[in-house]
Amino acid sequence: MQPGYTCQRCLKSLTSVIGVSFTVRPLRPSAGVGFVTRRRYGQIGTKAPPFPAQQRRTVASVEAHSETSVPVAPGRTEDHRDRPQKLLLQPNDLFHSFSNSPAPGIRRRAAFMKSHAYCPHPDHRQTRLVLSPQDPEARKAERKSTQAPAFVNFECPDCGIPVYCTEDHWMDDYESHLEICDTLRQANEDDHDLHSGRYHSEFEYPGRQWEEILVNLTNWDTYLYTREFNAINEERNMRQATRLLTYPVTIGSVIHELSPYNIRTGGRLTVEGLKSLSALRYTLHPPPSGAGIDVKSLKLSSPPVRIFILGARAESSLPRDIWTQLEYIFPRCTFHLILIGPESMTNRDAEFPLPERTPANPFGGIVEDRVSSYTKITTFVEYYHTMHKANYFQPFDPYFDCFVLFHPGLGHPASVHEWEETLPQLLETKVPVICTGYTEWDMQRDKKWVEEKMAGEVDVLLEPGENKFRSLRWDLNDVDPGDLSCGNWGVWAFRGKRYEATMND
C-alpha cells in the first residue's frame, strides 16, 4: 500500500494505528491538492476535484470546532461521519410489522409478545387485576367473559404490532383499537429508527458553556436552544433525544431558580415547596467566589449536592454524557448522584462487576468518580431502608440533599410493599422528594397512598401535573402492547412535615 502524499510524522502515527507498512513519498505541492473547510456544525466545502471511491477510506476521525483549512490529496483520511454507512432501513421505510422486521432484535420482541401478552378483547376472561379505569381489562368484567385467555397472535396491518389473538377479534374490537393505533404505529417506526443503522446526530450533546448564557427551562425547545444543541428539525429525532434527556433535565427543571414551576396561579409550586427549594437553590446557585486555577487563587468550595435516586432501574444505565448535562445547568455546583435499588445493575455485570462487601465498602457500592470534574456517581444494589437503618448517609441537610423517584409506583399493588418501610424514613429526613409518573392517574394514586399512609405528616411541595420535560416518545409494554407510556409524563414533590417552635408569653 502506497500513500499519495504524507509526512514522516503522520506516516508513523498511521502505521502504529492500523499496522500497515507504507512506502514513503516526499511531501510536495501538487495541482491536485485542495482544501477542506470545517465549520462548527459539520459543513464541508472543498475545492479539490472528486477522488476515486477506493481512495475515500477513513483511517482516523478528526474533529475541528473552529474553522481550519487542511490540505486534501489522494489517500487523505476523512471523518467517520463523512463515510457512507450501511443502512438497514431508509428514513422513508421505517414501518414494518414486528414479526417481519428486518431487525433481528424487533423480531425477538414480537416472539416475546406472542408468548406473554394476552388478547384484550372483552370476550376473554380477565388475566389480572384491574389497575386503572382506563385499563382494557376492566371491559372484560363488564361483559361476563366466557372465553379462556389467549395470547396475541394477529398483527394489525395499520400499526404492525401484535395486538389480538385472531383477525376476527381485531375486526370486532376495531373501534377500541383505533384509539391507540396511530400512537402504536409511531412507536413502531421509532423502534425501527433505532435499528436503522443511521447516524443519530440527536445523541450528540454539548459541553460546558459560558456562565453568562442562561439556560431557559420553559420547554424543550428553549432548553435545547440555550444549551446550544445541534438543531433537531425532525419530530422523530426530537422524540429520540428527549427519551434520554428527560431524566437529568426533569431534576434540573424542578430545583433550578429559573424553574417553570412557581407559586403564581397555575404554577403548581406550594408555599412549603418554595421554602424547601429555596434552601436547595442557595447551594445550587452560589455567588462568584473569584477562585482561579493557580495556588494563590484557590478558594474553599461547598460540599457536593447529593441527589439520591431510589428504585433506580433504566436510569442507572444511562450514558454518563446524559447525567453530565445536569452539571451544565448549574455551572458553579458539584453533584454526587447516588443510585440505589435492587435492579440498579441489571444486565450490567460485564460493564461493572459487583465488588465484594468489605468493612470499608459494606454495601458494595460502585463508585464512578471520574465521570467529570463536577459529577460523581455511586451505585448500590440494595434497598434504601436497609442503608438508612445503618445510618450510612446521615446526616441529611435540606441545603445539600434531595431524593428523586422515577416512576416509583408507590401505590401500585405489585410494588407497594417495597415502599412501606422506606416512606417514613424519607419523611424523617425533611428533604424534598421528587416523584414522576407515567400518567395523571398513576401520580394521583401514588399521592393518595402517601397521604393515607402518613396522614398529617406530609407537605406537598409540587402539585401533580404534566412534566414540562417529559419524554416525547411513547414506549410499548411488551407484556401488554395496548399499554402505552411515556417516560416521566408527570411530576410532583413532597416532604416530611416540619414543625416550628413558638414562644408562649
Protein backbone atom coordinates (compact mmCIF):
# COMPACT_ATOMS: atom_id res chain seq x y z
CA MET A 1 0.00 0.00 0.00
CA GLN A 2 1.47 3.34 -1.06
CA PRO A 3 0.03 6.63 0.12
CA GLY A 4 -0.15 9.55 -2.29
CA TYR A 5 1.31 12.29 -0.11
CA THR A 6 2.15 12.26 3.57
CA CYS A 7 4.88 13.21 6.01
CA GLN A 8 7.06 11.08 8.27
CA ARG A 9 5.19 12.02 11.46
CA CYS A 10 1.73 11.24 10.04
CA LEU A 11 3.05 8.06 8.48
CA LYS A 12 4.40 6.84 11.82
CA SER A 13 1.07 7.54 13.53
CA LEU A 14 -0.93 5.73 10.89
CA THR A 15 1.40 2.74 10.94
CA SER A 16 1.01 2.36 14.71
CA VAL A 17 -2.79 2.57 14.47
CA ILE A 18 -3.58 0.20 11.58
CA GLY A 19 -0.39 -1.87 11.47
CA VAL A 20 0.32 -1.46 7.74
CA SER A 21 3.69 -0.58 6.27
CA PHE A 22 3.97 2.28 3.78
CA THR A 23 6.39 3.30 1.09
CA VAL A 24 7.26 6.93 1.79
CA ARG A 25 6.89 9.64 -0.79
CA PRO A 26 8.11 13.15 -0.08
CA LEU A 27 5.52 15.75 0.75
CA ARG A 28 5.29 18.21 -2.10
CA PRO A 29 2.68 20.57 -3.51
CA SER A 30 0.60 19.38 -6.40
CA ALA A 31 -2.12 20.65 -8.65
CA GLY A 32 -4.42 18.00 -7.21
CA VAL A 33 -4.24 19.37 -3.65
CA GLY A 34 -7.37 21.14 -2.44
CA PHE A 35 -8.62 22.47 0.86
CA VAL A 36 -11.44 21.40 3.14
CA THR A 37 -13.04 23.97 5.40
CA ARG A 38 -14.61 22.50 8.54
CA ARG A 39 -17.20 24.57 10.32
CA ARG A 40 -18.69 24.03 13.70
CA TYR A 41 -21.83 22.24 12.56
CA GLY A 42 -20.05 19.83 10.23
CA GLN A 43 -20.42 21.75 6.96
CA ILE A 44 -17.73 20.80 4.48
CA GLY A 45 -16.73 22.69 1.35
CA THR A 46 -13.98 21.56 -0.99
CA LYS A 47 -12.17 22.95 -4.00
CA ALA A 48 -10.49 19.69 -4.95
CA PRO A 49 -11.68 17.51 -7.83
CA PRO A 50 -13.57 14.35 -6.88
CA PHE A 51 -11.40 11.40 -5.92
CA PRO A 52 -11.91 7.74 -6.81
CA ALA A 53 -14.18 5.87 -4.43
CA GLN A 54 -11.50 3.41 -3.39
CA GLN A 55 -9.35 6.28 -2.11
CA ARG A 56 -12.05 7.72 0.20
CA ARG A 57 -11.26 5.46 3.13
CA THR A 58 -11.48 6.52 6.75
CA VAL A 59 -8.48 5.77 8.96
CA ALA A 60 -8.84 8.30 11.74
CA SER A 61 -11.51 10.67 12.98
CA VAL A 62 -10.63 14.36 13.22
CA GLU A 63 -12.98 16.95 14.60
CA ALA A 64 -12.42 20.68 14.43
CA HIS A 65 -14.57 23.08 16.46
CA SER A 66 -13.31 26.16 14.67
CA GLU A 67 -12.73 26.94 11.00
CA THR A 68 -9.50 25.34 9.88
CA SER A 69 -8.11 24.55 6.46
CA VAL A 70 -6.25 21.33 5.85
CA PRO A 71 -4.79 20.07 2.57
CA VAL A 72 -6.60 17.27 0.81
CA ALA A 73 -4.93 14.87 -1.59
CA PRO A 74 -5.40 11.33 -2.89
CA GLY A 75 -5.17 8.94 0.05
CA ARG A 76 -6.13 11.58 2.65
CA THR A 77 -8.17 10.40 5.65
CA GLU A 78 -11.72 11.61 6.34
CA ASP A 79 -14.03 11.93 9.30
CA HIS A 80 -16.04 8.84 10.27
CA ARG A 81 -19.25 10.77 9.73
CA ASP A 82 -18.21 11.53 6.13
CA ARG A 83 -18.06 7.82 5.29
CA PRO A 84 -21.30 6.37 3.90
CA GLN A 85 -22.67 3.87 6.40
CA LYS A 86 -24.55 0.68 5.61
CA LEU A 87 -28.17 1.39 6.44
CA LEU A 88 -30.55 -1.38 7.40
CA LEU A 89 -33.57 0.87 6.82
CA GLN A 90 -34.06 4.12 4.95
CA PRO A 91 -35.83 7.07 6.64
CA ASN A 92 -38.86 6.58 4.37
CA ASP A 93 -39.01 2.82 5.01
CA LEU A 94 -39.34 2.55 8.79
CA PHE A 95 -42.75 0.90 9.01
CA HIS A 96 -42.63 -2.90 9.22
CA SER A 97 -44.64 -5.41 11.17
CA PHE A 98 -42.74 -6.66 14.19
CA SER A 99 -42.75 -10.28 13.04
CA ASN A 100 -41.38 -9.41 9.57
CA SER A 101 -38.99 -6.70 10.70
CA PRO A 102 -35.54 -6.53 9.07
CA ALA A 103 -34.09 -6.01 12.58
CA PRO A 104 -33.50 -9.29 14.48
CA GLY A 105 -33.98 -7.56 17.83
CA ILE A 106 -37.51 -6.46 16.92
CA ARG A 107 -38.40 -9.92 15.64
CA ARG A 108 -37.36 -11.30 19.01
CA ARG A 109 -39.63 -8.76 20.73
CA ALA A 110 -42.53 -9.92 18.55
CA ALA A 111 -41.92 -13.52 19.58
CA PHE A 112 -41.83 -12.45 23.24
CA MET A 113 -45.12 -10.56 22.91
CA LYS A 114 -46.84 -13.54 21.28
CA SER A 115 -45.86 -15.76 24.19
CA HIS A 116 -46.55 -13.33 27.08
CA ALA A 117 -49.19 -10.73 26.07
CA TYR A 118 -52.90 -11.58 26.25
CA CYS A 119 -55.63 -10.55 23.84
CA PRO A 120 -57.60 -7.52 25.18
CA HIS A 121 -60.90 -8.50 23.54
CA PRO A 122 -63.79 -8.39 26.05
CA ASP A 123 -64.85 -11.96 25.22
CA HIS A 124 -61.82 -13.30 27.12
CA ARG A 125 -61.71 -13.74 30.87
CA GLN A 126 -59.57 -11.42 32.96
CA THR A 127 -55.91 -12.31 33.37
CA ARG A 128 -55.00 -9.81 36.11
CA LEU A 129 -56.44 -7.22 38.46
CA VAL A 130 -57.77 -4.00 37.00
CA LEU A 131 -55.21 -1.28 37.76
CA SER A 132 -56.93 1.85 36.45
CA PRO A 133 -60.26 2.97 34.94
CA GLN A 134 -58.55 3.12 31.52
CA ASP A 135 -57.28 -0.46 31.80
CA PRO A 136 -58.67 -2.63 28.94
CA GLU A 137 -59.08 -5.46 31.47
CA ALA A 138 -61.98 -3.53 33.02
CA ARG A 139 -64.13 -4.21 29.94
CA LYS A 140 -63.83 -7.96 30.43
CA ALA A 141 -65.57 -7.85 33.80
CA GLU A 142 -68.48 -5.84 32.45
CA ARG A 143 -69.48 -8.39 29.81
CA LYS A 144 -69.03 -11.57 31.87
CA SER A 145 -66.45 -13.01 29.52
CA THR A 146 -66.54 -16.73 28.88
CA GLN A 147 -63.61 -17.48 26.59
CA ALA A 148 -60.29 -18.56 28.06
CA PRO A 149 -57.39 -16.07 27.86
CA ALA A 150 -55.39 -16.28 24.64
CA PHE A 151 -52.03 -14.85 23.65
CA VAL A 152 -51.83 -12.19 20.95
CA ASN A 153 -51.00 -13.57 17.51
CA PHE A 154 -52.54 -11.22 14.94
CA GLU A 155 -50.65 -8.07 13.92
CA CYS A 156 -52.68 -5.03 12.97
CA PRO A 157 -51.84 -4.09 9.37
CA ASP A 158 -52.02 -0.40 10.28
CA CYS A 159 -49.62 -0.36 13.25
CA GLY A 160 -47.68 -3.62 12.78
CA ILE A 161 -47.96 -4.61 16.47
CA PRO A 162 -49.37 -7.97 17.64
CA VAL A 163 -52.49 -6.81 19.47
CA TYR A 164 -55.19 -9.51 19.20
CA CYS A 165 -55.37 -13.28 19.13
CA THR A 166 -57.24 -13.50 15.82
CA GLU A 167 -58.25 -11.26 12.97
CA ASP A 168 -61.92 -11.69 13.93
CA HIS A 169 -61.32 -10.23 17.39
CA TRP A 170 -59.31 -7.39 15.86
CA MET A 171 -62.16 -6.52 13.46
CA ASP A 172 -64.81 -6.84 16.16
CA ASP A 173 -62.90 -4.54 18.55
CA TYR A 174 -61.53 -2.20 15.89
CA GLU A 175 -63.16 0.96 17.28
CA SER A 176 -61.39 0.46 20.60
CA HIS A 177 -58.08 -0.31 18.91
CA LEU A 178 -58.41 2.76 16.69
CA GLU A 179 -57.89 5.00 19.75
CA ILE A 180 -54.25 3.90 20.06
CA CYS A 181 -53.47 2.60 16.56
CA ASP A 182 -51.74 5.78 15.35
CA THR A 183 -49.65 6.01 18.51
CA LEU A 184 -48.68 2.34 18.19
CA ARG A 185 -47.56 2.94 14.61
CA GLN A 186 -45.45 5.90 15.76
CA ALA A 187 -43.82 3.73 18.44
CA ASN A 188 -43.21 1.04 15.80
CA GLU A 189 -41.41 3.46 13.50
CA ASP A 190 -39.39 4.94 16.37
CA ASP A 191 -38.17 1.48 17.36
CA HIS A 192 -37.19 0.70 13.77
CA ASP A 193 -35.41 4.03 13.56
CA LEU A 194 -33.10 2.99 16.41
CA HIS A 195 -32.27 -0.20 14.48
CA SER A 196 -31.95 1.50 11.09
CA GLY A 197 -28.18 1.99 11.29
CA ARG A 198 -28.32 5.73 10.57
CA TYR A 199 -26.08 8.21 12.33
CA HIS A 200 -28.07 9.65 15.24
CA SER A 201 -26.92 13.25 15.38
CA GLU A 202 -29.50 13.98 18.10
CA PHE A 203 -27.37 11.95 20.53
CA GLU A 204 -24.51 14.47 20.35
CA TYR A 205 -24.50 16.59 23.49
CA PRO A 206 -22.86 19.98 24.05
CA GLY A 207 -20.35 20.54 26.81
CA ARG A 208 -19.89 23.33 29.31
CA GLN A 209 -20.75 26.83 28.15
CA TRP A 210 -20.23 30.34 29.49
CA GLU A 211 -21.96 31.12 32.77
CA GLU A 212 -23.36 34.31 31.23
CA ILE A 213 -25.51 32.19 28.89
CA LEU A 214 -28.58 31.45 30.99
CA VAL A 215 -30.45 28.23 30.41
CA ASN A 216 -34.12 28.74 29.58
CA LEU A 217 -36.23 25.99 31.14
CA THR A 218 -39.60 27.00 29.72
CA ASN A 219 -39.87 23.93 27.47
CA TRP A 220 -37.79 21.53 25.39
CA ASP A 221 -37.27 23.99 22.52
CA THR A 222 -35.92 26.81 24.68
CA TYR A 223 -33.72 24.42 26.66
CA LEU A 224 -32.11 22.86 23.59
CA TYR A 225 -31.60 26.29 22.01
CA THR A 226 -30.00 27.97 25.02
CA ARG A 227 -27.82 24.91 25.69
CA GLU A 228 -26.60 25.11 22.07
CA PHE A 229 -27.63 21.64 20.97
CA ASN A 230 -27.35 20.82 17.30
CA ALA A 231 -30.56 21.76 15.53
CA ILE A 232 -33.16 18.96 15.67
CA ASN A 233 -35.52 19.51 12.75
CA GLU A 234 -37.34 16.17 12.67
CA GLU A 235 -40.06 15.19 15.16
CA ARG A 236 -38.74 11.64 15.32
CA ASN A 237 -35.23 12.84 16.20
CA MET A 238 -36.76 15.04 18.88
CA ARG A 239 -38.58 12.08 20.39
CA GLN A 240 -35.40 10.00 20.46
CA ALA A 241 -33.39 12.80 22.10
CA THR A 242 -35.92 13.59 24.82
CA ARG A 243 -36.30 9.92 25.75
CA LEU A 244 -32.85 10.07 27.39
CA LEU A 245 -32.58 13.72 28.38
CA THR A 246 -35.83 13.65 30.33
CA TYR A 247 -34.11 12.19 33.41
CA PRO A 248 -31.49 14.88 34.22
CA VAL A 249 -33.50 17.78 32.82
CA THR A 250 -36.58 16.86 34.87
CA ILE A 251 -34.50 17.10 38.04
CA GLY A 252 -32.90 20.35 36.93
CA SER A 253 -36.21 21.95 35.95
CA VAL A 254 -37.63 21.45 39.46
CA ILE A 255 -34.68 22.58 41.56
CA HIS A 256 -33.40 25.42 39.33
CA GLU A 257 -34.02 29.02 40.37
CA LEU A 258 -35.49 29.69 36.89
CA SER A 259 -37.82 26.70 37.17
CA PRO A 260 -41.05 26.77 35.13
CA TYR A 261 -42.88 25.76 38.34
CA ASN A 262 -43.63 28.72 40.63
CA ILE A 263 -46.13 29.94 43.23
CA ARG A 264 -48.13 32.01 40.75
CA THR A 265 -51.60 30.87 39.78
CA GLY A 266 -51.25 27.63 37.87
CA GLY A 267 -47.56 27.35 38.73
CA ARG A 268 -48.25 24.28 40.96
CA LEU A 269 -45.48 25.14 43.47
CA THR A 270 -46.77 25.45 47.04
CA VAL A 271 -45.52 27.77 49.78
CA GLU A 272 -43.85 24.85 51.56
CA GLY A 273 -42.29 23.89 48.25
CA LEU A 274 -40.83 27.35 47.85
CA LYS A 275 -39.29 27.10 51.33
CA SER A 276 -37.65 23.73 50.65
CA LEU A 277 -36.41 24.53 47.16
CA SER A 278 -35.09 27.94 48.22
CA ALA A 279 -32.72 26.22 50.65
CA LEU A 280 -31.51 23.87 47.92
CA ARG A 281 -31.16 26.69 45.39
CA TYR A 282 -28.96 28.62 47.82
CA THR A 283 -26.34 25.91 47.31
CA LEU A 284 -27.02 25.32 43.64
CA HIS A 285 -26.52 28.98 42.70
CA PRO A 286 -23.62 30.31 44.82
CA PRO A 287 -22.19 33.78 44.20
CA PRO A 288 -18.90 34.08 42.28
CA SER A 289 -16.01 33.15 44.57
CA GLY A 290 -13.18 34.60 42.49
CA ALA A 291 -11.35 31.28 42.50
CA GLY A 292 -8.68 30.63 39.87
CA ILE A 293 -6.52 27.80 38.65
CA ASP A 294 -3.29 28.81 40.41
CA VAL A 295 -2.46 28.14 44.05
CA LYS A 296 -2.95 31.72 45.18
CA SER A 297 -6.47 31.82 43.75
CA LEU A 298 -7.74 28.66 45.41
CA LYS A 299 -10.94 29.12 47.43
CA LEU A 300 -12.93 26.89 49.71
CA SER A 301 -15.91 25.30 47.97
CA SER A 302 -19.09 23.83 49.39
CA PRO A 303 -19.68 20.05 49.50
CA PRO A 304 -21.40 18.47 46.50
CA VAL A 305 -25.16 18.35 46.30
CA ARG A 306 -26.30 14.77 46.90
CA ILE A 307 -29.16 13.53 44.72
CA PHE A 308 -30.47 10.15 45.85
CA ILE A 309 -32.22 8.27 43.02
CA LEU A 310 -34.18 5.49 44.71
CA GLY A 311 -35.54 2.43 42.94
CA ALA A 312 -33.09 3.05 40.08
CA ARG A 313 -33.67 0.88 37.02
CA ALA A 314 -33.10 2.04 33.45
CA GLU A 315 -31.80 5.44 34.57
CA SER A 316 -28.77 3.78 36.18
CA SER A 317 -27.55 2.54 32.79
CA LEU A 318 -27.89 5.87 31.00
CA PRO A 319 -24.74 7.07 29.21
CA ARG A 320 -22.79 9.27 31.56
CA ASP A 321 -22.85 12.08 28.99
CA ILE A 322 -26.56 12.29 29.76
CA TRP A 323 -26.05 12.77 33.50
CA THR A 324 -23.34 15.40 32.98
CA GLN A 325 -25.99 17.60 31.34
CA LEU A 326 -27.23 18.27 34.88
CA GLU A 327 -23.97 19.89 35.92
CA TYR A 328 -24.04 22.16 32.86
CA ILE A 329 -27.34 23.62 34.07
CA PHE A 330 -25.62 24.53 37.38
CA PRO A 331 -22.10 25.60 36.32
CA ARG A 332 -20.87 26.52 39.84
CA CYS A 333 -22.08 23.42 41.64
CA THR A 334 -20.79 19.86 42.05
CA PHE A 335 -23.03 16.80 42.24
CA HIS A 336 -22.92 13.35 43.77
CA LEU A 337 -25.55 11.10 42.19
CA ILE A 338 -26.37 8.09 44.36
CA LEU A 339 -28.33 5.35 42.55
CA ILE A 340 -29.95 2.88 44.95
CA GLY A 341 -32.12 -0.13 44.16
CA PRO A 342 -32.04 -3.90 43.76
CA GLU A 343 -32.31 -3.51 39.96
CA SER A 344 -29.74 -0.74 39.60
CA MET A 345 -27.15 -3.05 37.99
CA THR A 346 -29.41 -5.37 36.00
CA ASN A 347 -27.70 -6.61 32.80
CA ARG A 348 -24.58 -4.58 33.58
CA ASP A 349 -22.39 -7.26 35.18
CA ALA A 350 -19.99 -7.27 32.23
CA GLU A 351 -19.62 -3.48 32.46
CA PHE A 352 -19.16 -3.21 36.24
CA PRO A 353 -18.71 -6.47 38.17
CA LEU A 354 -20.14 -6.09 41.66
CA PRO A 355 -17.36 -5.57 44.23
CA GLU A 356 -17.11 -7.59 47.38
CA ARG A 357 -18.67 -6.16 50.51
CA THR A 358 -15.92 -5.18 52.90
CA PRO A 359 -15.76 -3.13 56.11
CA ALA A 360 -14.63 -0.17 54.01
CA ASN A 361 -17.46 -0.74 51.50
CA PRO A 362 -20.18 -2.55 53.46
CA PHE A 363 -22.89 -2.26 50.79
CA GLY A 364 -20.72 -2.95 47.74
CA GLY A 365 -21.02 0.50 46.21
CA ILE A 366 -19.70 1.02 42.67
CA VAL A 367 -18.01 4.41 42.58
CA GLU A 368 -17.53 6.33 39.32
CA ASP A 369 -15.52 9.32 40.44
CA ARG A 370 -14.13 10.26 37.03
CA VAL A 371 -17.36 10.95 35.19
CA SER A 372 -16.31 14.60 35.12
CA SER A 373 -14.71 17.19 37.36
CA TYR A 374 -18.12 18.17 38.74
CA THR A 375 -20.06 14.88 38.88
CA LYS A 376 -19.57 11.67 40.82
CA ILE A 377 -21.88 8.63 40.54
CA THR A 378 -22.20 5.84 43.10
CA THR A 379 -24.44 2.80 42.59
CA PHE A 380 -25.73 0.49 45.34
CA VAL A 381 -27.56 -2.79 44.65
CA GLU A 382 -29.53 -2.59 47.87
CA TYR A 383 -32.80 -1.34 49.33
CA TYR A 384 -32.65 2.18 50.71
CA HIS A 385 -34.34 1.35 54.02
CA THR A 386 -31.54 -1.12 54.81
CA MET A 387 -28.89 1.57 54.31
CA HIS A 388 -30.93 4.16 56.19
CA LYS A 389 -31.10 1.92 59.27
CA ALA A 390 -27.31 1.65 59.19
CA ASN A 391 -27.02 5.48 59.20
CA TYR A 392 -24.91 5.22 56.08
CA PHE A 393 -25.87 8.62 54.63
CA GLN A 394 -26.65 10.61 57.76
CA PRO A 395 -26.82 13.48 58.45
CA PHE A 396 -29.19 14.92 55.86
CA ASP A 397 -29.19 18.62 55.07
CA PRO A 398 -32.02 20.39 53.18
CA TYR A 399 -29.38 22.68 51.66
CA PHE A 400 -27.43 19.81 50.09
CA ASP A 401 -29.71 16.76 49.71
CA CYS A 402 -32.64 15.75 47.53
CA PHE A 403 -34.45 12.48 46.75
CA VAL A 404 -35.74 11.54 43.28
CA LEU A 405 -38.10 8.66 42.49
CA PHE A 406 -38.60 7.93 38.78
CA HIS A 407 -41.89 6.04 38.26
CA PRO A 408 -41.79 4.51 41.75
CA GLY A 409 -45.30 3.02 41.77
CA LEU A 410 -45.79 3.95 45.42
CA GLY A 411 -49.43 2.92 45.37
CA HIS A 412 -49.16 0.11 42.82
CA PRO A 413 -50.31 -3.25 44.25
CA ALA A 414 -47.20 -5.02 42.95
CA SER A 415 -44.67 -2.63 44.50
CA VAL A 416 -46.41 -1.01 47.46
CA HIS A 417 -44.81 -3.47 49.90
CA GLU A 418 -41.33 -2.31 48.85
CA TRP A 419 -42.05 1.31 49.87
CA GLU A 420 -43.93 0.81 53.15
CA GLU A 421 -40.74 0.79 55.18
CA THR A 422 -38.94 3.40 53.09
CA LEU A 423 -41.61 6.11 53.11
CA PRO A 424 -41.40 7.00 56.85
CA GLN A 425 -37.62 7.20 56.55
CA LEU A 426 -37.87 9.63 53.61
CA LEU A 427 -40.21 11.89 55.56
CA GLU A 428 -37.90 11.73 58.56
CA THR A 429 -35.09 13.41 56.57
CA LYS A 430 -37.19 16.57 55.92
CA VAL A 431 -35.61 17.00 52.47
CA PRO A 432 -37.54 17.27 49.16
CA VAL A 433 -38.71 14.07 47.44
CA ILE A 434 -39.37 14.49 43.69
CA CYS A 435 -41.57 11.82 42.06
CA THR A 436 -42.57 11.19 38.46
CA GLY A 437 -45.36 9.08 37.00
CA TYR A 438 -46.48 7.58 33.71
CA THR A 439 -49.97 9.13 33.77
CA GLU A 440 -52.11 11.54 35.77
CA TRP A 441 -53.94 8.61 37.36
CA ASP A 442 -50.64 6.99 38.27
CA MET A 443 -49.46 10.09 40.14
CA GLN A 444 -52.77 10.65 41.89
CA ARG A 445 -52.71 7.03 43.08
CA ASP A 446 -49.20 7.50 44.49
CA LYS A 447 -50.15 10.76 46.18
CA LYS A 448 -53.28 9.25 47.70
CA TRP A 449 -51.28 6.33 49.11
CA VAL A 450 -48.64 8.64 50.62
CA GLU A 451 -51.26 10.84 52.28
CA GLU A 452 -53.19 7.84 53.64
CA LYS A 453 -50.07 6.06 54.84
CA MET A 454 -48.59 9.12 56.58
CA ALA A 455 -51.68 11.14 57.37
CA GLY A 456 -50.86 14.62 58.65
CA GLU A 457 -47.09 14.13 58.31
CA VAL A 458 -46.66 15.13 54.64
CA ASP A 459 -46.27 18.52 53.00
CA VAL A 460 -46.89 18.64 49.24
CA LEU A 461 -44.22 20.77 47.60
CA LEU A 462 -45.31 20.50 43.96
CA GLU A 463 -48.84 19.60 42.91
CA PRO A 464 -49.12 16.65 40.48
CA GLY A 465 -49.28 17.64 36.84
CA GLU A 466 -47.71 17.22 33.44
CA ASN A 467 -43.93 17.44 33.32
CA LYS A 468 -42.60 20.22 31.10
CA PHE A 469 -39.70 17.95 30.19
CA ARG A 470 -41.41 14.61 29.77
CA SER A 471 -40.27 12.19 27.13
CA LEU A 472 -41.98 12.91 23.82
CA ARG A 473 -41.64 9.30 22.73
CA TRP A 474 -44.23 6.61 23.51
CA ASP A 475 -42.94 3.23 24.66
CA LEU A 476 -44.52 -0.19 24.27
CA ASN A 477 -45.14 -2.61 27.12
CA ASP A 478 -44.12 -5.99 25.72
CA VAL A 479 -46.45 -7.91 28.05
CA ASP A 480 -49.38 -5.61 27.20
CA PRO A 481 -48.96 -3.88 23.80
CA GLY A 482 -52.03 -1.74 24.39
CA ASP A 483 -50.41 -0.18 27.47
CA LEU A 484 -48.54 2.82 26.06
CA SER A 485 -46.50 5.03 28.35
CA CYS A 486 -44.16 7.93 28.08
CA GLY A 487 -41.27 8.40 30.49
CA ASN A 488 -41.69 10.99 33.25
CA TRP A 489 -45.05 12.17 31.91
CA GLY A 490 -45.87 13.92 35.17
CA VAL A 491 -44.00 15.23 38.20
CA TRP A 492 -44.86 16.12 41.78
CA ALA A 493 -42.95 16.50 45.05
CA PHE A 494 -43.48 16.14 48.80
CA ARG A 495 -41.57 16.33 52.09
CA GLY A 496 -41.98 15.36 55.72
CA LYS A 497 -43.93 17.96 57.67
CA ARG A 498 -41.77 20.43 59.54
CA TYR A 499 -42.80 21.84 62.89
CA GLU A 500 -41.71 25.26 64.12
CA ALA A 501 -41.34 26.01 67.81
CA THR A 502 -43.19 29.10 69.05
CA MET A 503 -42.75 31.11 72.21
CA ASN A 504 -45.72 31.48 74.52
CA ASP A 505 -45.95 34.60 76.66
